[in-house]
Amino acid sequence: MKSIPFRRRLPLLFAAVLLPLQLQAQVLSTASSAGLSANLPESLSVSLTGGTPVNFGNLTALGVTPASTPVSIQTVWVLSPSRGTVRLVGYFDTTSALTDGAGNNIASSNVKGRVTSGTPTSFTAFTQSITGIGTAGASLELFSEAISGTNKNKTRTDSLDLEIDLTGTQLPAGSYTGTLRIQAIAL
């Protein structure tokens, strides 16, 4: 039987000496803990991302005039589990939607809107009264979305098409202006 030369035995000797040192039991400290706290507040926002100002150009006397472009509306929410519905409403401050400043007005009932991805898919006048939001007789619900576990956090984009219907309305020539407000509510 041949003996292994010393230089070949040296690595085996180191392994035999160092291996037991590596296999010794570890020493652990006691565990400490740090409490964590965070709050994600509810939020609900509406932004108009295009189509403003809305231009109707020259109105058609005794007829219907569509807006040149739709209003793009982005609604974003982060809601608590207690919320059941998000509603988006367009409204005028009074039942006079547009005025010429000389006492001649275009009523909110003459302004119509539709949101093909929302509630009024056909043109509907701004004549609704919606509890908690808007102006009585000068509002229009644009969508109502039930909230469940899958849409507590959501970004939604809708296009509001507008038209002014002066059928049966006698108005003098003039420049008419007004402001349409759009607001969301979570119930």
C-alpha atoms as a PDB file:
ATOM      1  CA  MET A   1       0.000   0.000   0.000  1.00  0.00           C
ATOM      2  CA  LYS A   2       1.344   3.351  -1.005  1.00  0.00           C
ATOM      3  CA  SER A   3       1.405   6.225   1.382  1.00  0.00           C
ATOM      4  CA  ILE A   4      -0.020   9.572   0.332  1.00  0.00           C
ATOM      5  CA  PRO A   5       2.641  12.260   0.130  1.00  0.00           C
ATOM      6  CA  PHE A   6       2.396  14.961   2.788  1.00  0.00           C
ATOM      7  CA  ARG A   7       1.630  17.770   0.336  1.00  0.00           C
ATOM      8  CA  ARG A   8      -1.462  15.839  -0.788  1.00  0.00           C
ATOM      9  CA  ARG A   9      -2.477  15.125   2.790  1.00  0.00           C
ATOM     10  CA  LEU A  10      -2.226  18.786   3.798  1.00  0.00           C
ATOM     11  CA  PRO A  11      -5.575  19.843   2.241  1.00  0.00           C
ATOM     12  CA  LEU A  12      -7.235  16.825   3.868  1.00  0.00           C
ATOM     13  CA  LEU A  13      -5.717  17.808   7.209  1.00  0.00           C
ATOM     14  CA  PHE A  14      -7.017  21.394   6.904  1.00  0.00           C
ATOM     15  CA  ALA A  15     -10.476  20.085   5.999  1.00  0.00           C
ATOM     16  CA  ALA A  16     -10.461  17.754   8.975  1.00  0.00           C
ATOM     17  CA  VAL A  17      -9.524  20.608  11.330  1.00  0.00           C
ATOM     18  CA  LEU A  18     -11.750  23.372   9.871  1.00  0.00           C
ATOM     19  CA  LEU A  19     -14.893  21.326   9.159  1.00  0.00           C
ATOM     20  CA  PRO A  20     -15.778  20.772  12.832  1.00  0.00           C
ATOM     21  CA  LEU A  21     -15.382  24.518  13.456  1.00  0.00           C
ATOM     22  CA  GLN A  22     -17.924  25.280  10.723  1.00  0.00           C
ATOM     23  CA  LEU A  23     -20.392  22.706  12.046  1.00  0.00           C
ATOM     24  CA  GLN A  24     -20.555  24.192  15.519  1.00  0.00           C
ATOM     25  CA  ALA A  25     -24.036  25.419  16.612  1.00  0.00           C
ATOM     26  CA  GLN A  26     -24.952  29.036  15.928  1.00  0.00           C
ATOM     27  CA  VAL A  27     -25.763  31.504  18.667  1.00  0.00           C
ATOM     28  CA  LEU A  28     -28.948  33.548  18.112  1.00  0.00           C
ATOM     29  CA  SER A  29     -30.164  36.680  19.868  1.00  0.00           C
ATOM     30  CA  THR A  30     -33.715  37.099  21.050  1.00  0.00           C
ATOM     31  CA  ALA A  31     -36.064  38.529  18.416  1.00  0.00           C
ATOM     32  CA  SER A  32     -37.124  42.158  18.587  1.00  0.00           C
ATOM     33  CA  SER A  33     -40.003  43.619  16.647  1.00  0.00           C
ATOM     34  CA  ALA A  34     -40.972  46.940  15.126  1.00  0.00           C
ATOM     35  CA  GLY A  35     -44.644  47.800  14.674  1.00  0.00           C
ATOM     36  CA  LEU A  36     -45.642  49.146  11.252  1.00  0.00           C
ATOM     37  CA  SER A  37     -48.485  51.535  10.538  1.00  0.00           C
ATOM     38  CA  ALA A  38     -49.758  52.966   7.235  1.00  0.00           C
ATOM     39  CA  ASN A  39     -52.903  54.696   6.032  1.00  0.00           C
ATOM     40  CA  LEU A  40     -54.301  54.745   2.482  1.00  0.00           C
ATOM     41  CA  PRO A  41     -56.987  57.446   2.552  1.00  0.00           C
ATOM     42  CA  GLU A  42     -60.045  57.450   0.354  1.00  0.00           C
ATOM     43  CA  SER A  43     -59.808  59.629  -2.716  1.00  0.00           C
ATOM     44  CA  LEU A  44     -62.085  60.554  -5.591  1.00  0.00           C
ATOM     45  CA  SER A  45     -61.067  62.903  -8.400  1.00  0.00           C
ATOM     46  CA  VAL A  46     -62.348  64.093 -11.760  1.00  0.00           C
ATOM     47  CA  SER A  47     -60.238  65.684 -14.462  1.00  0.00           C
ATOM     48  CA  LEU A  48     -61.120  66.846 -17.948  1.00  0.00           C
ATOM     49  CA  THR A  49     -58.412  65.585 -20.273  1.00  0.00           C
ATOM     50  CA  GLY A  50     -59.623  67.062 -23.543  1.00  0.00           C
ATOM     51  CA  GLY A  51     -62.360  68.879 -25.357  1.00  0.00           C
ATOM     52  CA  THR A  52     -62.329  72.089 -23.305  1.00  0.00           C
ATOM     53  CA  PRO A  53     -63.397  74.701 -23.921  1.00  0.00           C
ATOM     54  CA  VAL A  54     -66.358  73.181 -25.721  1.00  0.00           C
ATOM     55  CA  ASN A  55     -67.194  75.040 -28.902  1.00  0.00           C
ATOM     56  CA  PHE A  56     -70.555  74.802 -30.653  1.00  0.00           C
ATOM     57  CA  GLY A  57     -69.631  77.242 -33.403  1.00  0.00           C
ATOM     58  CA  ASN A  58     -72.646  78.903 -34.966  1.00  0.00           C
ATOM     59  CA  LEU A  59     -75.850  77.653 -33.396  1.00  0.00           C
ATOM     60  CA  THR A  60     -78.674  76.521 -35.665  1.00  0.00           C
ATOM     61  CA  ALA A  61     -81.755  78.639 -34.984  1.00  0.00           C
ATOM     62  CA  LEU A  62     -84.695  76.354 -34.185  1.00  0.00           C
ATOM     63  CA  GLY A  63     -82.423  73.305 -34.663  1.00  0.00           C
ATOM     64  CA  VAL A  64     -79.760  71.106 -33.091  1.00  0.00           C
ATOM     65  CA  THR A  65     -76.048  71.976 -33.013  1.00  0.00           C
ATOM     66  CA  PRO A  66     -73.486  69.404 -31.838  1.00  0.00           C
ATOM     67  CA  ALA A  67     -70.303  70.389 -29.976  1.00  0.00           C
ATOM     68  CA  SER A  68     -67.155  70.329 -32.087  1.00  0.00           C
ATOM     69  CA  THR A  69     -65.461  67.730 -29.842  1.00  0.00           C
ATOM     70  CA  PRO A  70     -66.476  65.520 -26.923  1.00  0.00           C
ATOM     71  CA  VAL A  71     -65.299  66.220 -23.392  1.00  0.00           C
ATOM     72  CA  SER A  72     -62.953  63.477 -22.177  1.00  0.00           C
ATOM     73  CA  ILE A  73     -63.502  62.849 -18.458  1.00  0.00           C
ATOM     74  CA  GLN A  74     -61.167  60.818 -16.261  1.00  0.00           C
ATOM     75  CA  THR A  75     -62.538  59.664 -12.905  1.00  0.00           C
ATOM     76  CA  VAL A  76     -60.113  58.077 -10.423  1.00  0.00           C
ATOM     77  CA  TRP A  77     -61.003  56.583  -7.056  1.00  0.00           C
ATOM     78  CA  VAL A  78     -59.596  54.684  -4.092  1.00  0.00           C
ATOM     79  CA  LEU A  79     -62.485  53.762  -1.801  1.00  0.00           C
ATOM     80  CA  SER A  80     -63.108  51.979   1.481  1.00  0.00           C
ATOM     81  CA  PRO A  81     -65.167  48.773   1.655  1.00  0.00           C
ATOM     82  CA  SER A  82     -68.215  50.704   2.920  1.00  0.00           C
ATOM     83  CA  ARG A  83     -68.781  52.482  -0.419  1.00  0.00           C
ATOM     84  CA  GLY A  84     -71.347  50.979  -2.773  1.00  0.00           C
ATOM     85  CA  THR A  85     -71.583  53.318  -5.779  1.00  0.00           C
ATOM     86  CA  VAL A  86     -69.663  56.000  -7.665  1.00  0.00           C
ATOM     87  CA  ARG A  87     -71.781  58.493  -9.615  1.00  0.00           C
ATOM     88  CA  LEU A  88     -70.566  61.103 -12.094  1.00  0.00           C
ATOM     89  CA  VAL A  89     -72.790  64.118 -12.657  1.00  0.00           C
ATOM     90  CA  GLY A  90     -72.666  67.070 -15.042  1.00  0.00           C
ATOM     91  CA  TYR A  91     -74.560  70.175 -13.977  1.00  0.00           C
ATOM     92  CA  PHE A  92     -75.064  73.897 -14.435  1.00  0.00           C
ATOM     93  CA  ASP A  93     -75.218  76.293 -11.477  1.00  0.00           C
ATOM     94  CA  THR A  94     -78.724  77.373 -12.509  1.00  0.00           C
ATOM     95  CA  THR A  95     -81.315  76.238 -15.016  1.00  0.00           C
ATOM     96  CA  SER A  96     -79.883  78.906 -17.363  1.00  0.00           C
ATOM     97  CA  ALA A  97     -76.965  77.029 -18.908  1.00  0.00           C
ATOM     98  CA  LEU A  98     -75.682  79.770 -21.222  1.00  0.00           C
ATOM     99  CA  THR A  99     -76.344  83.511 -21.332  1.00  0.00           C
ATOM    100  CA  ASP A 100     -75.593  86.423 -23.603  1.00  0.00           C
ATOM    101  CA  GLY A 101     -75.211  88.729 -20.579  1.00  0.00           C
ATOM    102  CA  ALA A 102     -78.197  90.832 -21.681  1.00  0.00           C
ATOM    103  CA  GLY A 103     -80.899  88.663 -20.122  1.00  0.00           C
ATOM    104  CA  ASN A 104     -81.250  86.131 -22.944  1.00  0.00           C
ATOM    105  CA  ASN A 105     -80.513  82.571 -21.832  1.00  0.00           C
ATOM    106  CA  ILE A 106     -80.220  79.056 -23.185  1.00  0.00           C
ATOM    107  CA  ALA A 107     -81.855  76.798 -20.599  1.00  0.00           C
ATOM    108  CA  SER A 108     -80.197  73.659 -19.262  1.00  0.00           C
ATOM    109  CA  SER A 109     -83.133  71.768 -20.788  1.00  0.00           C
ATOM    110  CA  ASN A 110     -81.815  72.848 -24.212  1.00  0.00           C
ATOM    111  CA  VAL A 111     -78.363  71.381 -23.543  1.00  0.00           C
ATOM    112  CA  LYS A 112     -78.158  67.623 -24.004  1.00  0.00           C
ATOM    113  CA  GLY A 113     -75.441  65.121 -23.252  1.00  0.00           C
ATOM    114  CA  ARG A 114     -74.676  61.455 -23.727  1.00  0.00           C
ATOM    115  CA  VAL A 115     -71.954  59.085 -22.556  1.00  0.00           C
ATOM    116  CA  THR A 116     -72.028  55.937 -24.656  1.00  0.00           C
ATOM    117  CA  SER A 117     -70.071  54.076 -21.944  1.00  0.00           C
ATOM    118  CA  GLY A 118     -72.263  55.485 -19.160  1.00  0.00           C
ATOM    119  CA  THR A 119     -75.862  56.126 -18.200  1.00  0.00           C
ATOM    120  CA  PRO A 120     -77.408  58.330 -20.922  1.00  0.00           C
ATOM    121  CA  THR A 121     -76.397  56.540 -24.119  1.00  0.00           C
ATOM    122  CA  SER A 122     -78.720  58.782 -26.124  1.00  0.00           C
ATOM    123  CA  PHE A 123     -78.822  62.585 -25.905  1.00  0.00           C
ATOM    124  CA  THR A 124     -80.601  63.605 -22.705  1.00  0.00           C
ATOM    125  CA  ALA A 125     -81.334  67.100 -21.365  1.00  0.00           C
ATOM    126  CA  PHE A 126     -79.689  68.480 -18.223  1.00  0.00           C
ATOM    127  CA  THR A 127     -82.965  68.524 -16.275  1.00  0.00           C
ATOM    128  CA  GLN A 128     -82.380  65.951 -13.537  1.00  0.00           C
ATOM    129  CA  SER A 129     -82.309  66.559  -9.796  1.00  0.00           C
ATOM    130  CA  ILE A 130     -79.720  64.318  -8.140  1.00  0.00           C
ATOM    131  CA  THR A 131     -79.568  64.139  -4.354  1.00  0.00           C
ATOM    132  CA  GLY A 132     -76.251  65.244  -2.915  1.00  0.00           C
ATOM    133  CA  ILE A 133     -74.695  66.663  -6.068  1.00  0.00           C
ATOM    134  CA  GLY A 134     -75.414  69.193  -8.791  1.00  0.00           C
ATOM    135  CA  THR A 135     -78.252  71.659  -9.195  1.00  0.00           C
ATOM    136  CA  ALA A 136     -81.918  70.644  -9.040  1.00  0.00           C
ATOM    137  CA  GLY A 137     -83.421  70.678 -12.521  1.00  0.00           C
ATOM    138  CA  ALA A 138     -80.063  71.409 -14.208  1.00  0.00           C
ATOM    139  CA  SER A 139     -78.122  68.150 -13.752  1.00  0.00           C
ATOM    140  CA  LEU A 140     -77.468  64.948 -15.693  1.00  0.00           C
ATOM    141  CA  GLU A 141     -76.054  61.695 -14.321  1.00  0.00           C
ATOM    142  CA  LEU A 142     -73.253  60.594 -16.651  1.00  0.00           C
ATOM    143  CA  PHE A 143     -72.601  57.210 -15.044  1.00  0.00           C
ATOM    144  CA  SER A 144     -73.358  55.209 -11.938  1.00  0.00           C
ATOM    145  CA  GLU A 145     -71.007  52.324 -11.169  1.00  0.00           C
ATOM    146  CA  ALA A 146     -71.615  49.774  -8.436  1.00  0.00           C
ATOM    147  CA  ILE A 147     -68.503  49.216  -6.309  1.00  0.00           C
ATOM    148  CA  SER A 148     -67.338  45.720  -5.436  1.00  0.00           C
ATOM    149  CA  GLY A 149     -64.083  44.215  -4.229  1.00  0.00           C
ATOM    150  CA  THR A 150     -62.595  44.298  -7.725  1.00  0.00           C
ATOM    151  CA  ASN A 151     -63.090  48.004  -8.429  1.00  0.00           C
ATOM    152  CA  LYS A 152     -62.425  49.755  -5.088  1.00  0.00           C
ATOM    153  CA  ASN A 153     -59.438  51.327  -6.875  1.00  0.00           C
ATOM    154  CA  LYS A 154     -60.108  52.358 -10.455  1.00  0.00           C
ATOM    155  CA  THR A 155     -59.385  54.827 -13.232  1.00  0.00           C
ATOM    156  CA  ARG A 156     -62.204  55.317 -15.688  1.00  0.00           C
ATOM    157  CA  THR A 157     -62.274  57.481 -18.835  1.00  0.00           C
ATOM    158  CA  ASP A 158     -65.523  58.495 -20.520  1.00  0.00           C
ATOM    159  CA  SER A 159     -66.399  60.808 -23.424  1.00  0.00           C
ATOM    160  CA  LEU A 160     -69.268  63.253 -22.992  1.00  0.00           C
ATOM    161  CA  ASP A 161     -70.933  64.279 -26.259  1.00  0.00           C
ATOM    162  CA  LEU A 162     -72.885  67.541 -26.064  1.00  0.00           C
ATOM    163  CA  GLU A 163     -75.428  69.311 -28.245  1.00  0.00           C
ATOM    164  CA  ILE A 164     -77.641  72.387 -27.977  1.00  0.00           C
ATOM    165  CA  ASP A 165     -81.210  71.869 -29.161  1.00  0.00           C
ATOM    166  CA  LEU A 166     -82.981  75.155 -29.916  1.00  0.00           C
ATOM    167  CA  THR A 167     -86.006  73.487 -31.508  1.00  0.00           C
ATOM    168  CA  GLY A 168     -89.034  75.578 -30.528  1.00  0.00           C
ATOM    169  CA  THR A 169     -86.876  78.224 -28.835  1.00  0.00           C
ATOM    170  CA  GLN A 170     -86.825  81.864 -29.950  1.00  0.00           C
ATOM    171  CA  LEU A 171     -83.505  83.544 -29.104  1.00  0.00           C
ATOM    172  CA  PRO A 172     -81.922  86.707 -30.478  1.00  0.00           C
ATOM    173  CA  ALA A 173     -78.564  86.549 -32.233  1.00  0.00           C
ATOM    174  CA  GLY A 174     -75.676  86.894 -29.834  1.00  0.00           C
ATOM    175  CA  SER A 175     -72.680  85.255 -28.202  1.00  0.00           C
ATOM    176  CA  TYR A 176     -73.738  82.852 -25.439  1.00  0.00           C
ATOM    177  CA  THR A 177     -71.402  81.457 -22.779  1.00  0.00           C
ATOM    178  CA  GLY A 178     -71.791  79.201 -19.762  1.00  0.00           C
ATOM    179  CA  THR A 179     -69.980  76.715 -17.527  1.00  0.00           C
ATOM    180  CA  LEU A 180     -70.703  73.006 -17.234  1.00  0.00           C
ATOM    181  CA  ARG A 181     -69.482  71.481 -13.964  1.00  0.00           C
ATOM    182  CA  ILE A 182     -68.618  67.820 -13.629  1.00  0.00           C
ATOM    183  CA  GLN A 183     -68.347  66.159 -10.236  1.00  0.00           C
ATOM    184  CA  ALA A 184     -68.255  62.648  -8.778  1.00  0.00           C
ATOM    185  CA  ILE A 185     -69.736  61.331  -5.555  1.00  0.00           C
ATOM    186  CA  ALA A 186     -69.116  58.024  -3.760  1.00  0.00           C
ATOM    187  CA  LEU A 187     -72.003  56.672  -1.711  1.00  0.00           C
END
